[in-house]
Amino acid sequence: MTRRTRWLLAGTLVTAGIAAAVVAVLHGAGSEEPPPAAGPGATTTVRRQTLAASVTVDGELGYGEPVPLRSSASGTVTWLPRSGRVIRRGGTLLRADNRPVVLLTGVLPVYRPLSPGVEGPDVLQLERNLRALGHDGFTVDDEYSDATAQVVRRWQRKLGLPQTGTVDTSWVTVAAGPVRIAELKVRVGDPATGTFATYTGETSVVTVDAEADAAGWAAPGTKVTVLLPNGRRTAGTVTHVGAEAVAAEGKDPTVPVTVRLGDPKAAGGLRAGPVEVTYTGKQRKDVLTVPVAALLALAEGGYGLQVVEGGATRDVAVEVGMFAEGRAEVSGGGLADGTVVGMPS
């Protein structure tokens, strides 16, 4: 074998060795298992609950819609209370020919003279008022007895009225409770018969002009939350919903909704100002929900979740329903209450 032949053979062996080494390296690299995929940085669980959407509307703190206050007294107005004054049971609403027209509380107007022998719920209402004013010596029932008439005479004497023992509309007016004079409609010297003022209740309330086509949420007894002008929140309850829709020029029709404050003291010294009223709108009961941030946008469209099971993850497509309170209603994908899902970073 010549020297040249030996060099060629040696070169061939070296080249073959390098090739074998490269093949071995490549083969070894190919035989390694790929690193496990990283799991989600955070997880949460699917939760079954009632999902409720909150809706906030504007309102006004005040005393509510004023109501007309009428007198059936004859003669001339000789005294009137000032606007803003609160008059309670037994108090004087006005004076006609210098005689008082007195407030009683109840639900029935005095629609007939009440005198001995008369019976009915209006008599019972009167006698309850008499007892509340501190009178006694009679039985509180629905019969206007001679004893009732005697008490009424004593009351009339105290008021400076003729002692007839009869109660009629010439000197008595009935309202549901204490009245706050909102606006005077007459002046001293005007006739006493007719509407002489408007009134509200004595406690601050909230009024919302709810759009007529979206006022289905408002019904007496509905619970709401009120954000007051001073930044404090208090619970509220709808007490009245207007039966007539009113449309201001260029605006949609609205109906007035009155809300009683759960804690009137929360307003502090404020008696008027803008507020926000939040009520529960659409609800979905007994549905599966996840935080909105847990939803994945799928390449093929729609949404999915990254389900975590036994240390492994898999993406599942889900149907998405209602969104509320930072959560989304989901269904499908074999989800159940307590299923662990990833929170994409």
C-alpha atoms as a PDB file:
ATOM      1  CA  MET A   1       0.000   0.000   0.000  1.00  0.00           C
ATOM      2  CA  THR A   2       1.468   3.313  -1.009  1.00  0.00           C
ATOM      3  CA  ARG A   3       1.662   6.356   1.196  1.00  0.00           C
ATOM      4  CA  ARG A   4      -0.985   8.091  -0.956  1.00  0.00           C
ATOM      5  CA  THR A   5      -3.354   5.145  -0.502  1.00  0.00           C
ATOM      6  CA  ARG A   6      -2.879   5.191   3.251  1.00  0.00           C
ATOM      7  CA  TRP A   7      -3.730   8.941   3.404  1.00  0.00           C
ATOM      8  CA  LEU A   8      -6.847   8.456   1.319  1.00  0.00           C
ATOM      9  CA  LEU A   9      -7.985   5.609   3.553  1.00  0.00           C
ATOM     10  CA  ALA A  10      -7.292   7.586   6.677  1.00  0.00           C
ATOM     11  CA  GLY A  11      -9.209  10.548   5.271  1.00  0.00           C
ATOM     12  CA  THR A  12     -12.077   8.310   4.405  1.00  0.00           C
ATOM     13  CA  LEU A  13     -12.196   6.892   7.934  1.00  0.00           C
ATOM     14  CA  VAL A  14     -12.076  10.360   9.508  1.00  0.00           C
ATOM     15  CA  THR A  15     -14.865  11.577   7.289  1.00  0.00           C
ATOM     16  CA  ALA A  16     -16.948   8.533   8.103  1.00  0.00           C
ATOM     17  CA  GLY A  17     -16.343   9.071  11.799  1.00  0.00           C
ATOM     18  CA  ILE A  18     -17.502  12.693  11.627  1.00  0.00           C
ATOM     19  CA  ALA A  19     -20.595  11.680   9.700  1.00  0.00           C
ATOM     20  CA  ALA A  20     -21.355   8.980  12.251  1.00  0.00           C
ATOM     21  CA  ALA A  21     -20.947  11.470  15.074  1.00  0.00           C
ATOM     22  CA  VAL A  22     -23.322  13.936  13.373  1.00  0.00           C
ATOM     23  CA  VAL A  23     -25.886  11.192  12.821  1.00  0.00           C
ATOM     24  CA  ALA A  24     -25.575  10.133  16.470  1.00  0.00           C
ATOM     25  CA  VAL A  25     -26.083  13.706  17.682  1.00  0.00           C
ATOM     26  CA  LEU A  26     -29.068  14.225  15.429  1.00  0.00           C
ATOM     27  CA  HIS A  27     -30.529  10.905  16.424  1.00  0.00           C
ATOM     28  CA  GLY A  28     -30.076  11.689  20.109  1.00  0.00           C
ATOM     29  CA  ALA A  29     -31.721  15.097  19.708  1.00  0.00           C
ATOM     30  CA  GLY A  30     -34.648  13.555  17.944  1.00  0.00           C
ATOM     31  CA  SER A  31     -35.206  10.990  20.674  1.00  0.00           C
ATOM     32  CA  GLU A  32     -35.701  13.570  23.480  1.00  0.00           C
ATOM     33  CA  GLU A  33     -39.322  14.271  24.665  1.00  0.00           C
ATOM     34  CA  PRO A  34     -40.530  17.846  23.989  1.00  0.00           C
ATOM     35  CA  PRO A  35     -40.772  20.028  27.127  1.00  0.00           C
ATOM     36  CA  PRO A  36     -44.203  20.050  28.657  1.00  0.00           C
ATOM     37  CA  ALA A  37     -46.391  23.018  27.711  1.00  0.00           C
ATOM     38  CA  ALA A  38     -46.551  25.695  30.384  1.00  0.00           C
ATOM     39  CA  GLY A  39     -49.825  25.707  32.368  1.00  0.00           C
ATOM     40  CA  PRO A  40     -51.885  28.844  32.957  1.00  0.00           C
ATOM     41  CA  GLY A  41     -50.389  31.438  35.239  1.00  0.00           C
ATOM     42  CA  ALA A  42     -53.591  31.578  37.265  1.00  0.00           C
ATOM     43  CA  THR A  43     -56.804  29.612  37.469  1.00  0.00           C
ATOM     44  CA  THR A  44     -60.396  30.112  38.559  1.00  0.00           C
ATOM     45  CA  THR A  45     -63.444  27.893  38.831  1.00  0.00           C
ATOM     46  CA  VAL A  46     -66.728  27.747  37.007  1.00  0.00           C
ATOM     47  CA  ARG A  47     -69.474  28.885  39.380  1.00  0.00           C
ATOM     48  CA  ARG A  48     -73.240  28.256  39.327  1.00  0.00           C
ATOM     49  CA  GLN A  49     -75.199  31.341  40.350  1.00  0.00           C
ATOM     50  CA  THR A  50     -77.899  33.851  39.489  1.00  0.00           C
ATOM     51  CA  LEU A  51     -76.455  36.485  37.184  1.00  0.00           C
ATOM     52  CA  ALA A  52     -78.107  39.889  37.393  1.00  0.00           C
ATOM     53  CA  ALA A  53     -77.404  43.007  35.357  1.00  0.00           C
ATOM     54  CA  SER A  54     -77.455  46.323  37.222  1.00  0.00           C
ATOM     55  CA  VAL A  55     -78.900  49.376  35.487  1.00  0.00           C
ATOM     56  CA  THR A  56     -78.289  52.945  36.681  1.00  0.00           C
ATOM     57  CA  VAL A  57     -80.615  55.869  35.906  1.00  0.00           C
ATOM     58  CA  ASP A  58     -80.630  59.504  36.951  1.00  0.00           C
ATOM     59  CA  GLY A  59     -83.017  60.832  39.567  1.00  0.00           C
ATOM     60  CA  GLU A  60     -83.674  63.860  41.752  1.00  0.00           C
ATOM     61  CA  LEU A  61     -83.686  64.132  45.524  1.00  0.00           C
ATOM     62  CA  GLY A  62     -86.641  66.169  46.742  1.00  0.00           C
ATOM     63  CA  TYR A  63     -90.087  65.723  48.245  1.00  0.00           C
ATOM     64  CA  GLY A  64     -91.847  64.089  45.323  1.00  0.00           C
ATOM     65  CA  GLU A  65     -94.672  65.239  43.086  1.00  0.00           C
ATOM     66  CA  PRO A  66     -96.857  67.883  44.817  1.00  0.00           C
ATOM     67  CA  VAL A  67    -100.520  66.974  45.375  1.00  0.00           C
ATOM     68  CA  PRO A  68    -103.406  69.487  45.407  1.00  0.00           C
ATOM     69  CA  LEU A  69    -104.816  70.346  48.843  1.00  0.00           C
ATOM     70  CA  ARG A  70    -108.451  71.448  48.890  1.00  0.00           C
ATOM     71  CA  SER A  71    -110.674  73.225  51.372  1.00  0.00           C
ATOM     72  CA  SER A  72    -114.466  73.087  51.505  1.00  0.00           C
ATOM     73  CA  ALA A  73    -114.683  75.910  54.005  1.00  0.00           C
ATOM     74  CA  SER A  74    -116.801  78.899  53.073  1.00  0.00           C
ATOM     75  CA  GLY A  75    -115.761  82.468  53.671  1.00  0.00           C
ATOM     76  CA  THR A  76    -112.475  84.284  53.186  1.00  0.00           C
ATOM     77  CA  VAL A  77    -108.911  83.120  53.807  1.00  0.00           C
ATOM     78  CA  THR A  78    -107.603  84.961  56.855  1.00  0.00           C
ATOM     79  CA  TRP A  79    -104.406  82.938  57.532  1.00  0.00           C
ATOM     80  CA  LEU A  80    -102.136  80.581  55.611  1.00  0.00           C
ATOM     81  CA  PRO A  81     -99.067  78.544  56.584  1.00  0.00           C
ATOM     82  CA  ARG A  82     -95.761  79.352  54.915  1.00  0.00           C
ATOM     83  CA  SER A  83     -94.368  77.153  52.155  1.00  0.00           C
ATOM     84  CA  GLY A  84     -92.225  74.340  53.540  1.00  0.00           C
ATOM     85  CA  ARG A  85     -94.117  74.094  56.807  1.00  0.00           C
ATOM     86  CA  VAL A  86     -95.072  70.585  57.986  1.00  0.00           C
ATOM     87  CA  ILE A  87     -98.571  70.221  59.429  1.00  0.00           C
ATOM     88  CA  ARG A  88     -99.459  67.130  61.423  1.00  0.00           C
ATOM     89  CA  ARG A  89    -102.706  65.556  62.581  1.00  0.00           C
ATOM     90  CA  GLY A  90    -104.824  68.112  64.426  1.00  0.00           C
ATOM     91  CA  GLY A  91    -102.856  71.031  63.021  1.00  0.00           C
ATOM     92  CA  THR A  92    -104.373  74.018  61.237  1.00  0.00           C
ATOM     93  CA  LEU A  93    -104.115  74.045  57.431  1.00  0.00           C
ATOM     94  CA  LEU A  94    -105.634  77.503  56.973  1.00  0.00           C
ATOM     95  CA  ARG A  95    -108.145  79.819  58.643  1.00  0.00           C
ATOM     96  CA  ALA A  96    -111.351  80.863  56.929  1.00  0.00           C
ATOM     97  CA  ASP A  97    -113.211  83.802  58.517  1.00  0.00           C
ATOM     98  CA  ASN A  98    -110.671  83.297  61.309  1.00  0.00           C
ATOM     99  CA  ARG A  99    -111.846  79.710  61.960  1.00  0.00           C
ATOM    100  CA  PRO A 100    -109.397  76.805  61.562  1.00  0.00           C
ATOM    101  CA  VAL A 101    -109.562  74.058  58.955  1.00  0.00           C
ATOM    102  CA  VAL A 102    -107.974  71.063  60.687  1.00  0.00           C
ATOM    103  CA  LEU A 103    -105.959  68.147  59.268  1.00  0.00           C
ATOM    104  CA  LEU A 104    -106.916  64.551  60.047  1.00  0.00           C
ATOM    105  CA  THR A 105    -105.066  61.538  58.668  1.00  0.00           C
ATOM    106  CA  GLY A 106    -106.511  58.552  56.861  1.00  0.00           C
ATOM    107  CA  VAL A 107    -107.556  57.241  53.475  1.00  0.00           C
ATOM    108  CA  LEU A 108    -111.221  58.256  53.372  1.00  0.00           C
ATOM    109  CA  PRO A 109    -112.349  61.822  52.729  1.00  0.00           C
ATOM    110  CA  VAL A 110    -115.066  63.309  54.894  1.00  0.00           C
ATOM    111  CA  TYR A 111    -117.783  62.835  52.287  1.00  0.00           C
ATOM    112  CA  ARG A 112    -120.784  63.295  54.607  1.00  0.00           C
ATOM    113  CA  PRO A 113    -121.562  64.978  57.927  1.00  0.00           C
ATOM    114  CA  LEU A 114    -120.700  62.721  60.864  1.00  0.00           C
ATOM    115  CA  SER A 115    -123.164  62.936  63.746  1.00  0.00           C
ATOM    116  CA  PRO A 116    -124.885  60.583  66.259  1.00  0.00           C
ATOM    117  CA  GLY A 117    -126.421  57.533  64.562  1.00  0.00           C
ATOM    118  CA  VAL A 118    -124.035  57.472  61.593  1.00  0.00           C
ATOM    119  CA  GLU A 119    -122.037  54.265  61.120  1.00  0.00           C
ATOM    120  CA  GLY A 120    -119.232  53.232  58.773  1.00  0.00           C
ATOM    121  CA  PRO A 121    -115.475  53.141  58.186  1.00  0.00           C
ATOM    122  CA  ASP A 122    -115.299  56.929  58.013  1.00  0.00           C
ATOM    123  CA  VAL A 123    -116.576  57.036  61.606  1.00  0.00           C
ATOM    124  CA  LEU A 124    -113.907  54.556  62.662  1.00  0.00           C
ATOM    125  CA  GLN A 125    -111.264  56.707  60.953  1.00  0.00           C
ATOM    126  CA  LEU A 126    -112.478  59.803  62.814  1.00  0.00           C
ATOM    127  CA  GLU A 127    -112.511  58.073  66.200  1.00  0.00           C
ATOM    128  CA  ARG A 128    -108.998  56.757  65.672  1.00  0.00           C
ATOM    129  CA  ASN A 129    -107.889  60.332  65.010  1.00  0.00           C
ATOM    130  CA  LEU A 130    -109.646  61.541  68.141  1.00  0.00           C
ATOM    131  CA  ARG A 131    -107.911  58.891  70.241  1.00  0.00           C
ATOM    132  CA  ALA A 132    -104.529  59.729  68.656  1.00  0.00           C
ATOM    133  CA  LEU A 133    -105.111  63.387  69.571  1.00  0.00           C
ATOM    134  CA  GLY A 134    -105.509  62.385  73.216  1.00  0.00           C
ATOM    135  CA  HIS A 135    -109.298  62.385  73.581  1.00  0.00           C
ATOM    136  CA  ASP A 136    -111.062  59.677  75.588  1.00  0.00           C
ATOM    137  CA  GLY A 137    -114.478  58.885  77.043  1.00  0.00           C
ATOM    138  CA  PHE A 138    -115.747  56.995  73.989  1.00  0.00           C
ATOM    139  CA  THR A 139    -115.308  53.610  72.290  1.00  0.00           C
ATOM    140  CA  VAL A 140    -113.277  53.481  69.086  1.00  0.00           C
ATOM    141  CA  ASP A 141    -115.565  51.681  66.636  1.00  0.00           C
ATOM    142  CA  ASP A 142    -117.569  52.414  63.498  1.00  0.00           C
ATOM    143  CA  GLU A 143    -120.562  53.940  65.347  1.00  0.00           C
ATOM    144  CA  TYR A 144    -120.861  57.682  65.954  1.00  0.00           C
ATOM    145  CA  SER A 145    -122.379  57.649  69.447  1.00  0.00           C
ATOM    146  CA  ASP A 146    -123.519  60.410  71.786  1.00  0.00           C
ATOM    147  CA  ALA A 147    -120.222  59.909  73.611  1.00  0.00           C
ATOM    148  CA  THR A 148    -118.354  60.599  70.356  1.00  0.00           C
ATOM    149  CA  ALA A 149    -120.408  63.760  69.828  1.00  0.00           C
ATOM    150  CA  GLN A 150    -119.561  64.953  73.340  1.00  0.00           C
ATOM    151  CA  VAL A 151    -115.842  64.503  72.674  1.00  0.00           C
ATOM    152  CA  VAL A 152    -116.182  66.389  69.376  1.00  0.00           C
ATOM    153  CA  ARG A 153    -117.917  69.293  71.182  1.00  0.00           C
ATOM    154  CA  ARG A 154    -115.025  69.570  73.639  1.00  0.00           C
ATOM    155  CA  TRP A 155    -112.609  69.527  70.707  1.00  0.00           C
ATOM    156  CA  GLN A 156    -114.596  72.227  68.865  1.00  0.00           C
ATOM    157  CA  ARG A 157    -114.614  74.402  71.975  1.00  0.00           C
ATOM    158  CA  LYS A 158    -110.838  74.129  72.195  1.00  0.00           C
ATOM    159  CA  LEU A 159    -110.511  75.104  68.517  1.00  0.00           C
ATOM    160  CA  GLY A 160    -112.868  78.050  68.860  1.00  0.00           C
ATOM    161  CA  LEU A 161    -115.499  76.506  66.604  1.00  0.00           C
ATOM    162  CA  PRO A 162    -119.285  76.304  67.093  1.00  0.00           C
ATOM    163  CA  GLN A 163    -119.939  73.320  69.396  1.00  0.00           C
ATOM    164  CA  THR A 164    -122.244  71.347  67.122  1.00  0.00           C
ATOM    165  CA  GLY A 165    -120.902  67.861  67.845  1.00  0.00           C
ATOM    166  CA  THR A 166    -120.904  67.256  64.072  1.00  0.00           C
ATOM    167  CA  VAL A 167    -117.837  66.785  61.881  1.00  0.00           C
ATOM    168  CA  ASP A 168    -118.053  67.944  58.264  1.00  0.00           C
ATOM    169  CA  THR A 169    -115.892  69.240  55.435  1.00  0.00           C
ATOM    170  CA  SER A 170    -116.339  72.873  56.471  1.00  0.00           C
ATOM    171  CA  TRP A 171    -113.597  72.497  59.083  1.00  0.00           C
ATOM    172  CA  VAL A 172    -111.869  69.130  58.476  1.00  0.00           C
ATOM    173  CA  THR A 173    -109.608  67.896  55.636  1.00  0.00           C
ATOM    174  CA  VAL A 174    -108.095  64.406  55.407  1.00  0.00           C
ATOM    175  CA  ALA A 175    -104.660  63.441  54.047  1.00  0.00           C
ATOM    176  CA  ALA A 176    -102.685  60.204  54.203  1.00  0.00           C
ATOM    177  CA  GLY A 177    -100.233  61.608  56.755  1.00  0.00           C
ATOM    178  CA  PRO A 178     -98.438  64.793  57.756  1.00  0.00           C
ATOM    179  CA  VAL A 179     -98.324  67.316  54.916  1.00  0.00           C
ATOM    180  CA  ARG A 180     -95.517  69.627  53.876  1.00  0.00           C
ATOM    181  CA  ILE A 181     -96.844  72.732  52.152  1.00  0.00           C
ATOM    182  CA  ALA A 182     -95.129  72.848  48.758  1.00  0.00           C
ATOM    183  CA  GLU A 183     -96.783  75.876  47.153  1.00  0.00           C
ATOM    184  CA  LEU A 184     -99.589  78.219  48.156  1.00  0.00           C
ATOM    185  CA  LYS A 185    -102.226  78.741  45.465  1.00  0.00           C
ATOM    186  CA  VAL A 186    -104.174  81.548  47.161  1.00  0.00           C
ATOM    187  CA  ARG A 187    -103.453  84.595  49.278  1.00  0.00           C
ATOM    188  CA  VAL A 188    -105.023  86.012  52.386  1.00  0.00           C
ATOM    189  CA  GLY A 189    -108.270  87.647  51.296  1.00  0.00           C
ATOM    190  CA  ASP A 190    -109.085  85.074  48.590  1.00  0.00           C
ATOM    191  CA  PRO A 191    -112.097  82.707  48.801  1.00  0.00           C
ATOM    192  CA  ALA A 192    -111.366  79.740  51.076  1.00  0.00           C
ATOM    193  CA  THR A 193    -113.184  77.155  48.966  1.00  0.00           C
ATOM    194  CA  GLY A 194    -111.101  75.182  46.469  1.00  0.00           C
ATOM    195  CA  THR A 195    -107.434  74.268  46.045  1.00  0.00           C
ATOM    196  CA  PHE A 196    -105.481  76.546  48.334  1.00  0.00           C
ATOM    197  CA  ALA A 197    -102.085  74.791  48.225  1.00  0.00           C
ATOM    198  CA  THR A 198    -100.116  71.783  47.023  1.00  0.00           C
ATOM    199  CA  TYR A 199     -98.367  69.456  49.415  1.00  0.00           C
ATOM    200  CA  THR A 200     -95.876  66.612  49.656  1.00  0.00           C
ATOM    201  CA  GLY A 201     -94.869  64.219  52.389  1.00  0.00           C
ATOM    202  CA  GLU A 202     -92.502  65.507  55.044  1.00  0.00           C
ATOM    203  CA  THR A 203     -89.668  63.081  54.192  1.00  0.00           C
ATOM    204  CA  SER A 204     -87.219  63.454  51.310  1.00  0.00           C
ATOM    205  CA  VAL A 205     -87.765  61.024  48.458  1.00  0.00           C
ATOM    206  CA  VAL A 206     -86.201  60.380  45.061  1.00  0.00           C
ATOM    207  CA  THR A 207     -88.058  60.883  41.799  1.00  0.00           C
ATOM    208  CA  VAL A 208     -86.966  59.142  38.587  1.00  0.00           C
ATOM    209  CA  ASP A 209     -88.404  60.026  35.194  1.00  0.00           C
ATOM    210  CA  ALA A 210     -88.265  56.500  33.777  1.00  0.00           C
ATOM    211  CA  GLU A 211     -88.596  56.028  30.026  1.00  0.00           C
ATOM    212  CA  ALA A 212     -92.100  54.693  29.472  1.00  0.00           C
ATOM    213  CA  ASP A 213     -90.969  51.842  27.212  1.00  0.00           C
ATOM    214  CA  ALA A 214     -88.348  50.700  29.737  1.00  0.00           C
ATOM    215  CA  ALA A 215     -90.167  51.225  33.030  1.00  0.00           C
ATOM    216  CA  GLY A 216     -91.051  47.583  33.546  1.00  0.00           C
ATOM    217  CA  TRP A 217     -88.505  47.384  36.374  1.00  0.00           C
ATOM    218  CA  ALA A 218     -90.470  49.869  38.443  1.00  0.00           C
ATOM    219  CA  ALA A 219     -93.254  48.500  40.614  1.00  0.00           C
ATOM    220  CA  PRO A 220     -94.218  49.313  44.203  1.00  0.00           C
ATOM    221  CA  GLY A 221     -91.905  47.346  46.465  1.00  0.00           C
ATOM    222  CA  THR A 222     -88.969  47.114  44.013  1.00  0.00           C
ATOM    223  CA  LYS A 223     -85.640  47.419  45.840  1.00  0.00           C
ATOM    224  CA  VAL A 224     -83.002  49.812  44.515  1.00  0.00           C
ATOM    225  CA  THR A 225     -79.756  51.469  45.596  1.00  0.00           C
ATOM    226  CA  VAL A 226     -79.444  55.264  45.655  1.00  0.00           C
ATOM    227  CA  LEU A 227     -76.189  57.213  45.298  1.00  0.00           C
ATOM    228  CA  LEU A 228     -76.808  60.552  47.043  1.00  0.00           C
ATOM    229  CA  PRO A 229     -75.232  63.923  46.147  1.00  0.00           C
ATOM    230  CA  ASN A 230     -72.921  63.652  49.172  1.00  0.00           C
ATOM    231  CA  GLY A 231     -71.447  60.390  47.828  1.00  0.00           C
ATOM    232  CA  ARG A 232     -73.201  58.110  50.307  1.00  0.00           C
ATOM    233  CA  ARG A 233     -75.280  55.124  49.242  1.00  0.00           C
ATOM    234  CA  THR A 234     -78.501  53.918  50.792  1.00  0.00           C
ATOM    235  CA  ALA A 235     -81.131  51.338  49.985  1.00  0.00           C
ATOM    236  CA  GLY A 236     -84.419  52.512  48.531  1.00  0.00           C
ATOM    237  CA  THR A 237     -87.877  51.141  47.744  1.00  0.00           C
ATOM    238  CA  VAL A 238     -90.201  52.127  44.914  1.00  0.00           C
ATOM    239  CA  THR A 239     -93.433  53.423  46.479  1.00  0.00           C
ATOM    240  CA  HIS A 240     -95.324  54.830  43.517  1.00  0.00           C
ATOM    241  CA  VAL A 241     -95.299  54.639  39.708  1.00  0.00           C
ATOM    242  CA  GLY A 242     -97.208  57.223  37.718  1.00  0.00           C
ATOM    243  CA  ALA A 243    -100.034  56.001  35.515  1.00  0.00           C
ATOM    244  CA  GLU A 244     -99.595  58.718  32.883  1.00  0.00           C
ATOM    245  CA  ALA A 245     -96.659  59.032  30.494  1.00  0.00           C
ATOM    246  CA  VAL A 246     -95.515  62.588  29.773  1.00  0.00           C
ATOM    247  CA  ALA A 247     -93.373  63.588  26.793  1.00  0.00           C
ATOM    248  CA  ALA A 248     -91.345  66.787  26.940  1.00  0.00           C
ATOM    249  CA  GLU A 249     -90.684  68.451  23.606  1.00  0.00           C
ATOM    250  CA  GLY A 250     -88.088  66.474  21.653  1.00  0.00           C
ATOM    251  CA  LYS A 251     -87.833  63.733  24.277  1.00  0.00           C
ATOM    252  CA  ASP A 252     -89.239  60.250  24.757  1.00  0.00           C
ATOM    253  CA  PRO A 253     -92.282  59.770  27.036  1.00  0.00           C
ATOM    254  CA  THR A 254     -91.497  59.142  30.703  1.00  0.00           C
ATOM    255  CA  VAL A 255     -93.412  58.100  33.801  1.00  0.00           C
ATOM    256  CA  PRO A 256     -92.567  59.401  37.298  1.00  0.00           C
ATOM    257  CA  VAL A 257     -91.251  56.801  39.752  1.00  0.00           C
ATOM    258  CA  THR A 258     -91.055  57.670  43.454  1.00  0.00           C
ATOM    259  CA  VAL A 259     -88.444  55.981  45.666  1.00  0.00           C
ATOM    260  CA  ARG A 260     -88.435  56.073  49.480  1.00  0.00           C
ATOM    261  CA  LEU A 261     -84.967  56.206  51.048  1.00  0.00           C
ATOM    262  CA  GLY A 262     -84.136  53.360  53.411  1.00  0.00           C
ATOM    263  CA  ASP A 263     -82.063  55.760  55.514  1.00  0.00           C
ATOM    264  CA  PRO A 264     -83.283  59.365  55.091  1.00  0.00           C
ATOM    265  CA  LYS A 265     -80.483  60.549  57.389  1.00  0.00           C
ATOM    266  CA  ALA A 266     -77.919  59.399  54.804  1.00  0.00           C
ATOM    267  CA  ALA A 267     -78.615  62.596  52.849  1.00  0.00           C
ATOM    268  CA  GLY A 268     -77.448  64.684  55.807  1.00  0.00           C
ATOM    269  CA  GLY A 269     -78.785  68.209  55.492  1.00  0.00           C
ATOM    270  CA  LEU A 270     -79.385  67.892  51.748  1.00  0.00           C
ATOM    271  CA  ARG A 271     -82.998  68.207  50.637  1.00  0.00           C
ATOM    272  CA  ALA A 272     -82.511  68.476  46.868  1.00  0.00           C
ATOM    273  CA  GLY A 273     -79.982  67.465  44.236  1.00  0.00           C
ATOM    274  CA  PRO A 274     -79.156  64.918  41.523  1.00  0.00           C
ATOM    275  CA  VAL A 275     -78.853  61.240  42.465  1.00  0.00           C
ATOM    276  CA  GLU A 276     -78.221  57.915  40.741  1.00  0.00           C
ATOM    277  CA  VAL A 277     -80.643  55.022  41.178  1.00  0.00           C
ATOM    278  CA  THR A 278     -79.443  51.487  40.465  1.00  0.00           C
ATOM    279  CA  TYR A 279     -81.873  48.638  39.976  1.00  0.00           C
ATOM    280  CA  THR A 280     -81.610  45.003  38.938  1.00  0.00           C
ATOM    281  CA  GLY A 281     -82.448  44.543  35.277  1.00  0.00           C
ATOM    282  CA  LYS A 282     -82.187  41.308  33.312  1.00  0.00           C
ATOM    283  CA  GLN A 283     -81.517  38.138  35.351  1.00  0.00           C
ATOM    284  CA  ARG A 284     -80.393  34.615  34.525  1.00  0.00           C
ATOM    285  CA  LYS A 285     -81.013  32.158  37.348  1.00  0.00           C
ATOM    286  CA  ASP A 286     -78.996  28.998  38.092  1.00  0.00           C
ATOM    287  CA  VAL A 287     -76.448  29.374  35.276  1.00  0.00           C
ATOM    288  CA  LEU A 288     -72.731  28.554  35.002  1.00  0.00           C
ATOM    289  CA  THR A 289     -70.460  31.625  34.988  1.00  0.00           C
ATOM    290  CA  VAL A 290     -66.779  32.512  34.734  1.00  0.00           C
ATOM    291  CA  PRO A 291     -64.910  35.805  35.004  1.00  0.00           C
ATOM    292  CA  VAL A 292     -64.984  37.580  31.646  1.00  0.00           C
ATOM    293  CA  ALA A 293     -61.158  37.561  31.670  1.00  0.00           C
ATOM    294  CA  ALA A 294     -61.181  33.728  31.511  1.00  0.00           C
ATOM    295  CA  LEU A 295     -62.691  33.698  28.004  1.00  0.00           C
ATOM    296  CA  LEU A 296     -60.435  32.885  25.043  1.00  0.00           C
ATOM    297  CA  ALA A 297     -61.061  34.198  21.535  1.00  0.00           C
ATOM    298  CA  LEU A 298     -60.857  31.102  19.315  1.00  0.00           C
ATOM    299  CA  ALA A 299     -59.153  31.237  15.912  1.00  0.00           C
ATOM    300  CA  GLU A 300     -62.188  29.661  14.256  1.00  0.00           C
ATOM    301  CA  GLY A 301     -64.462  32.245  15.884  1.00  0.00           C
ATOM    302  CA  GLY A 302     -66.430  32.373  19.114  1.00  0.00           C
ATOM    303  CA  TYR A 303     -65.128  31.869  22.610  1.00  0.00           C
ATOM    304  CA  GLY A 304     -63.557  29.089  24.594  1.00  0.00           C
ATOM    305  CA  LEU A 305     -62.070  28.203  27.959  1.00  0.00           C
ATOM    306  CA  GLN A 306     -58.804  26.552  28.942  1.00  0.00           C
ATOM    307  CA  VAL A 307     -59.898  23.625  31.111  1.00  0.00           C
ATOM    308  CA  VAL A 308     -57.284  22.381  33.602  1.00  0.00           C
ATOM    309  CA  GLU A 309     -57.458  18.653  34.464  1.00  0.00           C
ATOM    310  CA  GLY A 310     -54.801  16.500  36.132  1.00  0.00           C
ATOM    311  CA  GLY A 311     -52.027  18.952  35.387  1.00  0.00           C
ATOM    312  CA  ALA A 312     -52.929  19.110  31.687  1.00  0.00           C
ATOM    313  CA  THR A 313     -54.906  21.747  29.819  1.00  0.00           C
ATOM    314  CA  ARG A 314     -57.264  21.648  26.884  1.00  0.00           C
ATOM    315  CA  ASP A 315     -59.199  24.331  25.085  1.00  0.00           C
ATOM    316  CA  VAL A 316     -62.953  23.842  24.773  1.00  0.00           C
ATOM    317  CA  ALA A 317     -65.436  25.915  22.823  1.00  0.00           C
ATOM    318  CA  VAL A 318     -68.330  27.366  24.851  1.00  0.00           C
ATOM    319  CA  GLU A 319     -71.535  29.245  24.218  1.00  0.00           C
ATOM    320  CA  VAL A 320     -71.581  32.666  25.880  1.00  0.00           C
ATOM    321  CA  GLY A 321     -74.801  34.201  27.163  1.00  0.00           C
ATOM    322  CA  MET A 322     -75.379  37.141  29.472  1.00  0.00           C
ATOM    323  CA  PHE A 323     -72.598  39.409  30.803  1.00  0.00           C
ATOM    324  CA  ALA A 324     -72.966  41.063  34.224  1.00  0.00           C
ATOM    325  CA  GLU A 325     -70.957  41.891  37.337  1.00  0.00           C
ATOM    326  CA  GLY A 326     -67.679  41.154  35.518  1.00  0.00           C
ATOM    327  CA  ARG A 327     -68.786  37.594  34.763  1.00  0.00           C
ATOM    328  CA  ALA A 328     -70.122  35.776  31.712  1.00  0.00           C
ATOM    329  CA  GLU A 329     -72.705  33.041  31.403  1.00  0.00           C
ATOM    330  CA  VAL A 330     -71.186  29.952  29.703  1.00  0.00           C
ATOM    331  CA  SER A 331     -72.448  26.543  28.613  1.00  0.00           C
ATOM    332  CA  GLY A 332     -71.158  23.502  26.699  1.00  0.00           C
ATOM    333  CA  GLY A 333     -67.723  21.903  26.701  1.00  0.00           C
ATOM    334  CA  GLY A 334     -68.654  19.499  29.497  1.00  0.00           C
ATOM    335  CA  LEU A 335     -68.473  22.307  32.059  1.00  0.00           C
ATOM    336  CA  ALA A 336     -69.831  21.882  35.576  1.00  0.00           C
ATOM    337  CA  ASP A 337     -69.901  23.817  38.806  1.00  0.00           C
ATOM    338  CA  GLY A 338     -66.340  23.765  40.144  1.00  0.00           C
ATOM    339  CA  THR A 339     -64.542  23.047  36.843  1.00  0.00           C
ATOM    340  CA  VAL A 340     -61.049  24.590  36.981  1.00  0.00           C
ATOM    341  CA  VAL A 341     -60.187  26.897  34.057  1.00  0.00           C
ATOM    342  CA  GLY A 342     -57.193  29.027  33.215  1.00  0.00           C
ATOM    343  CA  MET A 343     -56.974  32.777  33.407  1.00  0.00           C
ATOM    344  CA  PRO A 344     -55.007  33.993  30.334  1.00  0.00           C
ATOM    345  CA  SER A 345     -52.196  36.332  31.249  1.00  0.00           C
END
